[in-house]
Amino acid sequence: MIRLQNINLTSPEAIQRLANNHAIAVNLRDAFPYPYTIEDAITFLGLAENGVLGHVFGIYEDNTFVGCGSLIPQHDVYRINAEIGYWIGEPYWGKGYY
């Protein structure tokens, strides 16, 4: 069963292991680094914890981290909207996580 949980309960190593993938990086915003280092994961978790990145969550299949998602609140006339984004680690592609 898929569950979403606070990303800060996810280890930097688990994030780095899946995020360090060119196929993921080319499909995300330019700010997503590649190669993705453990330092990038630690920085990401700090930004997420401080709310800089909106509401960030880990995507889990049972107890296995499979990806990451976020809701980014918008501003002005779009204030009742949020941008939704996510990525799934390549080992989990084609398994119905969409």
PDB file of N, CA and C in Angstrom:
ATOM      1  N   MET A   1       0.832  -1.172   0.000  1.00  0.00           N
ATOM      2  CA  MET A   1       0.000   0.000   0.000  1.00  0.00           C
ATOM      3  C   MET A   1       0.887   1.250   0.000  1.00  0.00           C
ATOM      4  N   ILE A   2       0.516   2.204  -0.820  1.00  0.00           N
ATOM      5  CA  ILE A   2       1.234   3.482  -0.895  1.00  0.00           C
ATOM      6  C   ILE A   2       0.841   4.364   0.277  1.00  0.00           C
ATOM      7  N   ARG A   3       1.830   5.035   0.855  1.00  0.00           N
ATOM      8  CA  ARG A   3       1.519   6.039   1.869  1.00  0.00           C
ATOM      9  C   ARG A   3       2.448   7.227   1.685  1.00  0.00           C
ATOM     10  N   LEU A   4       1.953   8.375   2.106  1.00  0.00           N
ATOM     11  CA  LEU A   4       2.722   9.613   2.072  1.00  0.00           C
ATOM     12  C   LEU A   4       3.081   9.962   3.502  1.00  0.00           C
ATOM     13  N   GLN A   5       4.328  10.356   3.714  1.00  0.00           N
ATOM     14  CA  GLN A   5       4.731  10.744   5.063  1.00  0.00           C
ATOM     15  C   GLN A   5       5.683  11.929   4.986  1.00  0.00           C
ATOM     16  N   ASN A   6       5.834  12.592   6.104  1.00  0.00           N
ATOM     17  CA  ASN A   6       6.738  13.731   6.196  1.00  0.00           C
ATOM     18  C   ASN A   6       8.106  13.335   5.651  1.00  0.00           C
ATOM     19  N   ILE A   7       8.641  14.123   4.742  1.00  0.00           N
ATOM     20  CA  ILE A   7       9.929  13.802   4.114  1.00  0.00           C
ATOM     21  C   ILE A   7      11.068  13.794   5.120  1.00  0.00           C
ATOM     22  N   ASN A   8      10.912  14.527   6.226  1.00  0.00           N
ATOM     23  CA  ASN A   8      11.997  14.587   7.205  1.00  0.00           C
ATOM     24  C   ASN A   8      12.157  13.286   7.983  1.00  0.00           C
ATOM     25  N   LEU A   9      11.271  12.333   7.779  1.00  0.00           N
ATOM     26  CA  LEU A   9      11.433  11.006   8.362  1.00  0.00           C
ATOM     27  C   LEU A   9      12.205  10.084   7.425  1.00  0.00           C
ATOM     28  N   THR A  10      12.602  10.623   6.270  1.00  0.00           N
ATOM     29  CA  THR A  10      13.336   9.868   5.249  1.00  0.00           C
ATOM     30  C   THR A  10      14.812  10.179   5.376  1.00  0.00           C
ATOM     31  N   SER A  11      15.655   9.184   5.279  1.00  0.00           N
ATOM     32  CA  SER A  11      17.097   9.417   5.420  1.00  0.00           C
ATOM     33  C   SER A  11      17.656  10.095   4.169  1.00  0.00           C
ATOM     34  N   PRO A  12      18.671  10.945   4.355  1.00  0.00           N
ATOM     35  CA  PRO A  12      19.325  11.553   3.189  1.00  0.00           C
ATOM     36  C   PRO A  12      19.882  10.498   2.236  1.00  0.00           C
ATOM     37  N   GLU A  13      20.347   9.391   2.780  1.00  0.00           N
ATOM     38  CA  GLU A  13      20.912   8.330   1.944  1.00  0.00           C
ATOM     39  C   GLU A  13      19.857   7.708   1.034  1.00  0.00           C
ATOM     40  N   ALA A  14      18.654   7.511   1.560  1.00  0.00           N
ATOM     41  CA  ALA A  14      17.573   6.937   0.747  1.00  0.00           C
ATOM     42  C   ALA A  14      17.186   7.889  -0.376  1.00  0.00           C
ATOM     43  N   ILE A  15      17.139   9.184  -0.071  1.00  0.00           N
ATOM     44  CA  ILE A  15      16.803  10.177  -1.090  1.00  0.00           C
ATOM     45  C   ILE A  15      17.897  10.230  -2.147  1.00  0.00           C
ATOM     46  N   GLN A  16      19.137  10.327  -1.715  1.00  0.00           N
ATOM     47  CA  GLN A  16      20.266  10.422  -2.652  1.00  0.00           C
ATOM     48  C   GLN A  16      20.358   9.212  -3.557  1.00  0.00           C
ATOM     49  N   ARG A  17      20.115   8.042  -3.000  1.00  0.00           N
ATOM     50  CA  ARG A  17      20.221   6.792  -3.775  1.00  0.00           C
ATOM     51  C   ARG A  17      19.280   6.803  -4.987  1.00  0.00           C
ATOM     52  N   LEU A  18      18.049   7.319  -4.811  1.00  0.00           N
ATOM     53  CA  LEU A  18      17.101   7.350  -5.926  1.00  0.00           C
ATOM     54  C   LEU A  18      17.220   8.625  -6.758  1.00  0.00           C
ATOM     55  N   ALA A  19      17.537   9.754  -6.112  1.00  0.00           N
ATOM     56  CA  ALA A  19      17.552  11.044  -6.811  1.00  0.00           C
ATOM     57  C   ALA A  19      18.767  11.222  -7.712  1.00  0.00           C
ATOM     58  N   ASN A  20      19.830  10.495  -7.454  1.00  0.00           N
ATOM     59  CA  ASN A  20      21.039  10.628  -8.260  1.00  0.00           C
ATOM     60  C   ASN A  20      20.875   9.857  -9.569  1.00  0.00           C
ATOM     61  N   ASN A  21      20.020  10.398 -10.437  1.00  0.00           N
ATOM     62  CA  ASN A  21      19.655   9.707 -11.672  1.00  0.00           C
ATOM     63  C   ASN A  21      19.362  10.768 -12.737  1.00  0.00           C
ATOM     64  N   HIS A  22      20.110  10.753 -13.795  1.00  0.00           N
ATOM     65  CA  HIS A  22      19.937  11.750 -14.853  1.00  0.00           C
ATOM     66  C   HIS A  22      18.527  11.708 -15.441  1.00  0.00           C
ATOM     67  N   ALA A  23      17.951  10.526 -15.560  1.00  0.00           N
ATOM     68  CA  ALA A  23      16.602  10.393 -16.126  1.00  0.00           C
ATOM     69  C   ALA A  23      15.555  11.099 -15.265  1.00  0.00           C
ATOM     70  N   ILE A  24      15.788  11.198 -13.972  1.00  0.00           N
ATOM     71  CA  ILE A  24      14.892  11.958 -13.107  1.00  0.00           C
ATOM     72  C   ILE A  24      15.182  13.447 -13.243  1.00  0.00           C
ATOM     73  N   ALA A  25      16.442  13.811 -13.170  1.00  0.00           N
ATOM     74  CA  ALA A  25      16.832  15.225 -13.201  1.00  0.00           C
ATOM     75  C   ALA A  25      16.351  15.947 -14.457  1.00  0.00           C
ATOM     76  N   VAL A  26      16.399  15.296 -15.607  1.00  0.00           N
ATOM     77  CA  VAL A  26      16.007  15.976 -16.850  1.00  0.00           C
ATOM     78  C   VAL A  26      14.510  16.234 -16.937  1.00  0.00           C
ATOM     79  N   ASN A  27      13.733  15.587 -16.065  1.00  0.00           N
ATOM     80  CA  ASN A  27      12.284  15.777 -16.079  1.00  0.00           C
ATOM     81  C   ASN A  27      11.779  16.673 -14.958  1.00  0.00           C
ATOM     82  N   LEU A  28      12.703  17.262 -14.205  1.00  0.00           N
ATOM     83  CA  LEU A  28      12.327  18.151 -13.118  1.00  0.00           C
ATOM     84  C   LEU A  28      12.855  19.553 -13.401  1.00  0.00           C
ATOM     85  N   ARG A  29      12.558  20.475 -12.498  1.00  0.00           N
ATOM     86  CA  ARG A  29      13.029  21.850 -12.666  1.00  0.00           C
ATOM     87  C   ARG A  29      14.550  21.901 -12.708  1.00  0.00           C
ATOM     88  N   ASP A  30      15.065  22.948 -13.326  1.00  0.00           N
ATOM     89  CA  ASP A  30      16.514  23.096 -13.468  1.00  0.00           C
ATOM     90  C   ASP A  30      17.241  23.150 -12.129  1.00  0.00           C
ATOM     91  N   ALA A  31      16.559  23.530 -11.059  1.00  0.00           N
ATOM     92  CA  ALA A  31      17.191  23.612  -9.746  1.00  0.00           C
ATOM     93  C   ALA A  31      17.508  22.228  -9.165  1.00  0.00           C
ATOM     94  N   PHE A  32      16.919  21.178  -9.723  1.00  0.00           N
ATOM     95  CA  PHE A  32      17.192  19.821  -9.234  1.00  0.00           C
ATOM     96  C   PHE A  32      18.589  19.421  -9.710  1.00  0.00           C
ATOM     97  N   PRO A  33      19.502  19.166  -8.789  1.00  0.00           N
ATOM     98  CA  PRO A  33      20.898  18.921  -9.186  1.00  0.00           C
ATOM     99  C   PRO A  33      21.133  17.516  -9.743  1.00  0.00           C
ATOM    100  N   TYR A  34      22.086  17.444 -10.626  1.00  0.00           N
ATOM    101  CA  TYR A  34      22.610  16.163 -11.080  1.00  0.00           C
ATOM    102  C   TYR A  34      24.088  16.354 -11.388  1.00  0.00           C
ATOM    103  N   PRO A  35      24.985  15.580 -10.846  1.00  0.00           N
ATOM    104  CA  PRO A  35      24.699  14.478  -9.935  1.00  0.00           C
ATOM    105  C   PRO A  35      24.110  14.986  -8.610  1.00  0.00           C
ATOM    106  N   TYR A  36      23.346  14.125  -7.959  1.00  0.00           N
ATOM    107  CA  TYR A  36      22.662  14.452  -6.712  1.00  0.00           C
ATOM    108  C   TYR A  36      23.458  13.824  -5.573  1.00  0.00           C
ATOM    109  N   THR A  37      24.085  14.674  -4.773  1.00  0.00           N
ATOM    110  CA  THR A  37      24.980  14.207  -3.716  1.00  0.00           C
ATOM    111  C   THR A  37      24.237  14.060  -2.387  1.00  0.00           C
ATOM    112  N   ILE A  38      24.898  13.445  -1.434  1.00  0.00           N
ATOM    113  CA  ILE A  38      24.338  13.347  -0.096  1.00  0.00           C
ATOM    114  C   ILE A  38      24.158  14.744   0.503  1.00  0.00           C
ATOM    115  N   GLU A  39      25.064  15.674   0.162  1.00  0.00           N
ATOM    116  CA  GLU A  39      24.934  17.056   0.626  1.00  0.00           C
ATOM    117  C   GLU A  39      23.682  17.713   0.044  1.00  0.00           C
ATOM    118  N   ASP A  40      23.359  17.392  -1.206  1.00  0.00           N
ATOM    119  CA  ASP A  40      22.120  17.903  -1.819  1.00  0.00           C
ATOM    120  C   ASP A  40      20.902  17.393  -1.049  1.00  0.00           C
ATOM    121  N   ALA A  41      20.929  16.124  -0.663  1.00  0.00           N
ATOM    122  CA  ALA A  41      19.803  15.548   0.081  1.00  0.00           C
ATOM    123  C   ALA A  41      19.664  16.208   1.450  1.00  0.00           C
ATOM    124  N   ILE A  42      20.776  16.456   2.109  1.00  0.00           N
ATOM    125  CA  ILE A  42      20.739  17.113   3.422  1.00  0.00           C
ATOM    126  C   ILE A  42      20.200  18.530   3.291  1.00  0.00           C
ATOM    127  N   THR A  43      20.661  19.264   2.277  1.00  0.00           N
ATOM    128  CA  THR A  43      20.155  20.627   2.034  1.00  0.00           C
ATOM    129  C   THR A  43      18.665  20.594   1.739  1.00  0.00           C
ATOM    130  N   PHE A  44      18.244  19.662   0.889  1.00  0.00           N
ATOM    131  CA  PHE A  44      16.828  19.506   0.542  1.00  0.00           C
ATOM    132  C   PHE A  44      15.979  19.270   1.789  1.00  0.00           C
ATOM    133  N   LEU A  45      16.422  18.380   2.663  1.00  0.00           N
ATOM    134  CA  LEU A  45      15.666  18.089   3.878  1.00  0.00           C
ATOM    135  C   LEU A  45      15.566  19.310   4.783  1.00  0.00           C
ATOM    136  N   GLY A  46      16.638  20.105   4.858  1.00  0.00           N
ATOM    137  CA  GLY A  46      16.602  21.334   5.647  1.00  0.00           C
ATOM    138  C   GLY A  46      15.604  22.334   5.092  1.00  0.00           C
ATOM    139  N   LEU A  47      15.598  22.509   3.772  1.00  0.00           N
ATOM    140  CA  LEU A  47      14.639  23.422   3.134  1.00  0.00           C
ATOM    141  C   LEU A  47      13.209  22.932   3.328  1.00  0.00           C
ATOM    142  N   ALA A  48      13.011  21.630   3.214  1.00  0.00           N
ATOM    143  CA  ALA A  48      11.674  21.062   3.402  1.00  0.00           C
ATOM    144  C   ALA A  48      11.205  21.267   4.839  1.00  0.00           C
ATOM    145  N   GLU A  49      12.102  21.048   5.787  1.00  0.00           N
ATOM    146  CA  GLU A  49      11.738  21.199   7.198  1.00  0.00           C
ATOM    147  C   GLU A  49      11.338  22.638   7.531  1.00  0.00           C
ATOM    148  N   ASN A  50      11.974  23.599   6.866  1.00  0.00           N
ATOM    149  CA  ASN A  50      11.676  25.015   7.106  1.00  0.00           C
ATOM    150  C   ASN A  50      10.510  25.529   6.272  1.00  0.00           C
ATOM    151  N   GLY A  51       9.894  24.683   5.471  1.00  0.00           N
ATOM    152  CA  GLY A  51       8.730  25.077   4.687  1.00  0.00           C
ATOM    153  C   GLY A  51       9.044  25.870   3.433  1.00  0.00           C
ATOM    154  N   VAL A  52      10.312  25.986   3.080  1.00  0.00           N
ATOM    155  CA  VAL A  52      10.727  26.771   1.907  1.00  0.00           C
ATOM    156  C   VAL A  52      10.199  26.159   0.616  1.00  0.00           C
ATOM    157  N   LEU A  53      10.025  24.853   0.600  1.00  0.00           N
ATOM    158  CA  LEU A  53       9.625  24.140  -0.616  1.00  0.00           C
ATOM    159  C   LEU A  53       8.144  23.781  -0.638  1.00  0.00           C
ATOM    160  N   GLY A  54       7.351  24.382   0.221  1.00  0.00           N
ATOM    161  CA  GLY A  54       5.934  24.039   0.313  1.00  0.00           C
ATOM    162  C   GLY A  54       5.769  22.829   1.218  1.00  0.00           C
ATOM    163  N   HIS A  55       4.764  22.025   0.958  1.00  0.00           N
ATOM    164  CA  HIS A  55       4.532  20.807   1.737  1.00  0.00           C
ATOM    165  C   HIS A  55       5.170  19.643   0.983  1.00  0.00           C
ATOM    166  N   VAL A  56       6.253  19.115   1.534  1.00  0.00           N
ATOM    167  CA  VAL A  56       7.010  18.049   0.881  1.00  0.00           C
ATOM    168  C   VAL A  56       6.734  16.732   1.609  1.00  0.00           C
ATOM    169  N   PHE A  57       6.562  15.678   0.846  1.00  0.00           N
ATOM    170  CA  PHE A  57       6.284  14.377   1.448  1.00  0.00           C
ATOM    171  C   PHE A  57       7.073  13.280   0.750  1.00  0.00           C
ATOM    172  N   GLY A  58       7.369  12.243   1.503  1.00  0.00           N
ATOM    173  CA  GLY A  58       7.977  11.042   0.947  1.00  0.00           C
ATOM    174  C   GLY A  58       6.883  10.108   0.486  1.00  0.00           C
ATOM    175  N   ILE A  59       7.135   9.396  -0.592  1.00  0.00           N
ATOM    176  CA  ILE A  59       6.195   8.401  -1.106  1.00  0.00           C
ATOM    177  C   ILE A  59       6.780   7.030  -0.762  1.00  0.00           C
ATOM    178  N   TYR A  60       5.996   6.238  -0.068  1.00  0.00           N
ATOM    179  CA  TYR A  60       6.453   4.936   0.397  1.00  0.00           C
ATOM    180  C   TYR A  60       5.536   3.826  -0.073  1.00  0.00           C
ATOM    181  N   GLU A  61       6.136   2.700  -0.402  1.00  0.00           N
ATOM    182  CA  GLU A  61       5.422   1.438  -0.612  1.00  0.00           C
ATOM    183  C   GLU A  61       5.793   0.593   0.597  1.00  0.00           C
ATOM    184  N   ASP A  62       4.825   0.378   1.471  1.00  0.00           N
ATOM    185  CA  ASP A  62       5.085  -0.243   2.773  1.00  0.00           C
ATOM    186  C   ASP A  62       6.162   0.595   3.475  1.00  0.00           C
ATOM    187  N   ASN A  63       7.329   0.042   3.760  1.00  0.00           N
ATOM    188  CA  ASN A  63       8.382   0.814   4.436  1.00  0.00           C
ATOM    189  C   ASN A  63       9.516   1.198   3.502  1.00  0.00           C
ATOM    190  N   THR A  64       9.299   1.100   2.203  1.00  0.00           N
ATOM    191  CA  THR A  64      10.339   1.398   1.220  1.00  0.00           C
ATOM    192  C   THR A  64      10.091   2.754   0.581  1.00  0.00           C
ATOM    193  N   PHE A  65      11.075   3.638   0.670  1.00  0.00           N
ATOM    194  CA  PHE A  65      11.004   4.950   0.031  1.00  0.00           C
ATOM    195  C   PHE A  65      11.083   4.755  -1.474  1.00  0.00           C
ATOM    196  N   VAL A  66      10.076   5.253  -2.206  1.00  0.00           N
ATOM    197  CA  VAL A  66      10.063   5.099  -3.662  1.00  0.00           C
ATOM    198  C   VAL A  66      10.094   6.437  -4.401  1.00  0.00           C
ATOM    199  N   GLY A  67       9.898   7.543  -3.681  1.00  0.00           N
ATOM    200  CA  GLY A  67       9.925   8.840  -4.356  1.00  0.00           C
ATOM    201  C   GLY A  67       9.538   9.975  -3.434  1.00  0.00           C
ATOM    202  N   CYS A  68       9.302  11.102  -4.044  1.00  0.00           N
ATOM    203  CA  CYS A  68       9.079  12.337  -3.302  1.00  0.00           C
ATOM    204  C   CYS A  68       8.054  13.184  -4.042  1.00  0.00           C
ATOM    205  N   GLY A  69       7.274  13.945  -3.295  1.00  0.00           N
ATOM    206  CA  GLY A  69       6.303  14.841  -3.901  1.00  0.00           C
ATOM    207  C   GLY A  69       6.166  16.115  -3.099  1.00  0.00           C
ATOM    208  N   SER A  70       5.490  17.097  -3.681  1.00  0.00           N
ATOM    209  CA  SER A  70       5.271  18.356  -2.955  1.00  0.00           C
ATOM    210  C   SER A  70       4.034  19.073  -3.468  1.00  0.00           C
ATOM    211  N   LEU A  71       3.492  19.888  -2.593  1.00  0.00           N
ATOM    212  CA  LEU A  71       2.433  20.831  -2.917  1.00  0.00           C
ATOM    213  C   LEU A  71       3.006  22.209  -2.629  1.00  0.00           C
ATOM    214  N   ILE A  72       3.043  23.060  -3.646  1.00  0.00           N
ATOM    215  CA  ILE A  72       3.596  24.404  -3.493  1.00  0.00           C
ATOM    216  C   ILE A  72       2.455  25.400  -3.627  1.00  0.00           C
ATOM    217  N   PRO A  73       2.049  26.020  -2.495  1.00  0.00           N
ATOM    218  CA  PRO A  73       0.969  27.004  -2.563  1.00  0.00           C
ATOM    219  C   PRO A  73       1.334  28.145  -3.508  1.00  0.00           C
ATOM    220  N   GLN A  74       0.348  28.632  -4.240  1.00  0.00           N
ATOM    221  CA  GLN A  74       0.556  29.726  -5.183  1.00  0.00           C
ATOM    222  C   GLN A  74       0.139  31.052  -4.540  1.00  0.00           C
ATOM    223  N   HIS A  75       0.333  32.145  -5.237  1.00  0.00           N
ATOM    224  CA  HIS A  75       0.108  33.469  -4.680  1.00  0.00           C
ATOM    225  C   HIS A  75      -0.850  34.285  -5.544  1.00  0.00           C
ATOM    226  N   ASP A  76      -1.240  35.427  -5.001  1.00  0.00           N
ATOM    227  CA  ASP A  76      -2.071  36.407  -5.691  1.00  0.00           C
ATOM    228  C   ASP A  76      -3.383  35.751  -6.133  1.00  0.00           C
ATOM    229  N   VAL A  77      -3.769  35.909  -7.378  1.00  0.00           N
ATOM    230  CA  VAL A  77      -5.053  35.375  -7.828  1.00  0.00           C
ATOM    231  C   VAL A  77      -5.070  33.843  -7.847  1.00  0.00           C
ATOM    232  N   TYR A  78      -3.913  33.223  -7.724  1.00  0.00           N
ATOM    233  CA  TYR A  78      -3.813  31.760  -7.715  1.00  0.00           C
ATOM    234  C   TYR A  78      -3.702  31.206  -6.290  1.00  0.00           C
ATOM    235  N   ARG A  79      -3.983  32.043  -5.297  1.00  0.00           N
ATOM    236  CA  ARG A  79      -3.753  31.695  -3.897  1.00  0.00           C
ATOM    237  C   ARG A  79      -4.548  30.479  -3.416  1.00  0.00           C
ATOM    238  N   ILE A  80      -5.601  30.110  -4.099  1.00  0.00           N
ATOM    239  CA  ILE A  80      -6.368  28.922  -3.685  1.00  0.00           C
ATOM    240  C   ILE A  80      -5.910  27.672  -4.440  1.00  0.00           C
ATOM    241  N   ASN A  81      -4.779  27.784  -5.134  1.00  0.00           N
ATOM    242  CA  ASN A  81      -4.226  26.682  -5.908  1.00  0.00           C
ATOM    243  C   ASN A  81      -2.863  26.269  -5.364  1.00  0.00           C
ATOM    244  N   ALA A  82      -2.435  25.111  -5.771  1.00  0.00           N
ATOM    245  CA  ALA A  82      -1.094  24.643  -5.437  1.00  0.00           C
ATOM    246  C   ALA A  82      -0.528  23.903  -6.646  1.00  0.00           C
ATOM    247  N   GLU A  83       0.767  24.046  -6.825  1.00  0.00           N
ATOM    248  CA  GLU A  83       1.468  23.263  -7.845  1.00  0.00           C
ATOM    249  C   GLU A  83       1.793  21.907  -7.226  1.00  0.00           C
ATOM    250  N   ILE A  84       1.502  20.855  -7.956  1.00  0.00           N
ATOM    251  CA  ILE A  84       1.788  19.499  -7.488  1.00  0.00           C
ATOM    252  C   ILE A  84       2.942  18.955  -8.321  1.00  0.00           C
ATOM    253  N   GLY A  85       3.920  18.417  -7.642  1.00  0.00           N
ATOM    254  CA  GLY A  85       5.042  17.811  -8.340  1.00  0.00           C
ATOM    255  C   GLY A  85       5.480  16.543  -7.618  1.00  0.00           C
ATOM    256  N   TYR A  86       6.059  15.624  -8.359  1.00  0.00           N
ATOM    257  CA  TYR A  86       6.568  14.407  -7.729  1.00  0.00           C
ATOM    258  C   TYR A  86       7.596  13.753  -8.627  1.00  0.00           C
ATOM    259  N   TRP A  87       8.380  12.900  -8.042  1.00  0.00           N
ATOM    260  CA  TRP A  87       9.239  12.018  -8.814  1.00  0.00           C
ATOM    261  C   TRP A  87       9.253  10.649  -8.131  1.00  0.00           C
ATOM    262  N   ILE A  88       9.401   9.635  -8.940  1.00  0.00           N
ATOM    263  CA  ILE A  88       9.469   8.248  -8.483  1.00  0.00           C
ATOM    264  C   ILE A  88      10.830   7.705  -8.922  1.00  0.00           C
ATOM    265  N   GLY A  89      11.503   7.006  -8.030  1.00  0.00           N
ATOM    266  CA  GLY A  89      12.792   6.412  -8.366  1.00  0.00           C
ATOM    267  C   GLY A  89      12.675   5.411  -9.505  1.00  0.00           C
ATOM    268  N   GLU A  90      13.658   5.404 -10.379  1.00  0.00           N
ATOM    269  CA  GLU A  90      13.602   4.567 -11.575  1.00  0.00           C
ATOM    270  C   GLU A  90      13.348   3.079 -11.299  1.00  0.00           C
ATOM    271  N   PRO A  91      13.868   2.502 -10.205  1.00  0.00           N
ATOM    272  CA  PRO A  91      13.562   1.086  -9.961  1.00  0.00           C
ATOM    273  C   PRO A  91      12.067   0.805  -9.782  1.00  0.00           C
ATOM    274  N   TYR A  92      11.274   1.858  -9.550  1.00  0.00           N
ATOM    275  CA  TYR A  92       9.848   1.692  -9.306  1.00  0.00           C
ATOM    276  C   TYR A  92       8.991   2.149 -10.483  1.00  0.00           C
ATOM    277  N   TRP A  93       9.608   2.548 -11.585  1.00  0.00           N
ATOM    278  CA  TRP A  93       8.860   2.946 -12.774  1.00  0.00           C
ATOM    279  C   TRP A  93       8.129   1.730 -13.339  1.00  0.00           C
ATOM    280  N   GLY A  94       6.963   1.992 -13.902  1.00  0.00           N
ATOM    281  CA  GLY A  94       6.186   0.942 -14.533  1.00  0.00           C
ATOM    282  C   GLY A  94       5.475   0.022 -13.557  1.00  0.00           C
ATOM    283  N   LYS A  95       5.392   0.423 -12.292  1.00  0.00           N
ATOM    284  CA  LYS A  95       4.751  -0.406 -11.281  1.00  0.00           C
ATOM    285  C   LYS A  95       3.448   0.208 -10.762  1.00  0.00           C
ATOM    286  N   GLY A  96       2.926   1.221 -11.499  1.00  0.00           N
ATOM    287  CA  GLY A  96       1.643   1.788 -11.142  1.00  0.00           C
ATOM    288  C   GLY A  96       1.668   2.946 -10.155  1.00  0.00           C
ATOM    289  N   TYR A  97       2.825   3.534  -9.891  1.00  0.00           N
ATOM    290  CA  TYR A  97       2.928   4.683  -8.995  1.00  0.00           C
ATOM    291  C   TYR A  97       2.730   5.971  -9.782  1.00  0.00           C
ATOM    292  N   TYR A  98       1.517   6.349 -10.070  1.00  0.00           N
ATOM    293  CA  TYR A  98       1.240   7.583 -10.782  1.00  0.00           C
ATOM    294  C   TYR A  98      -0.075   8.148 -10.376  1.00  0.00           C
TER     295      TYR A  98
END
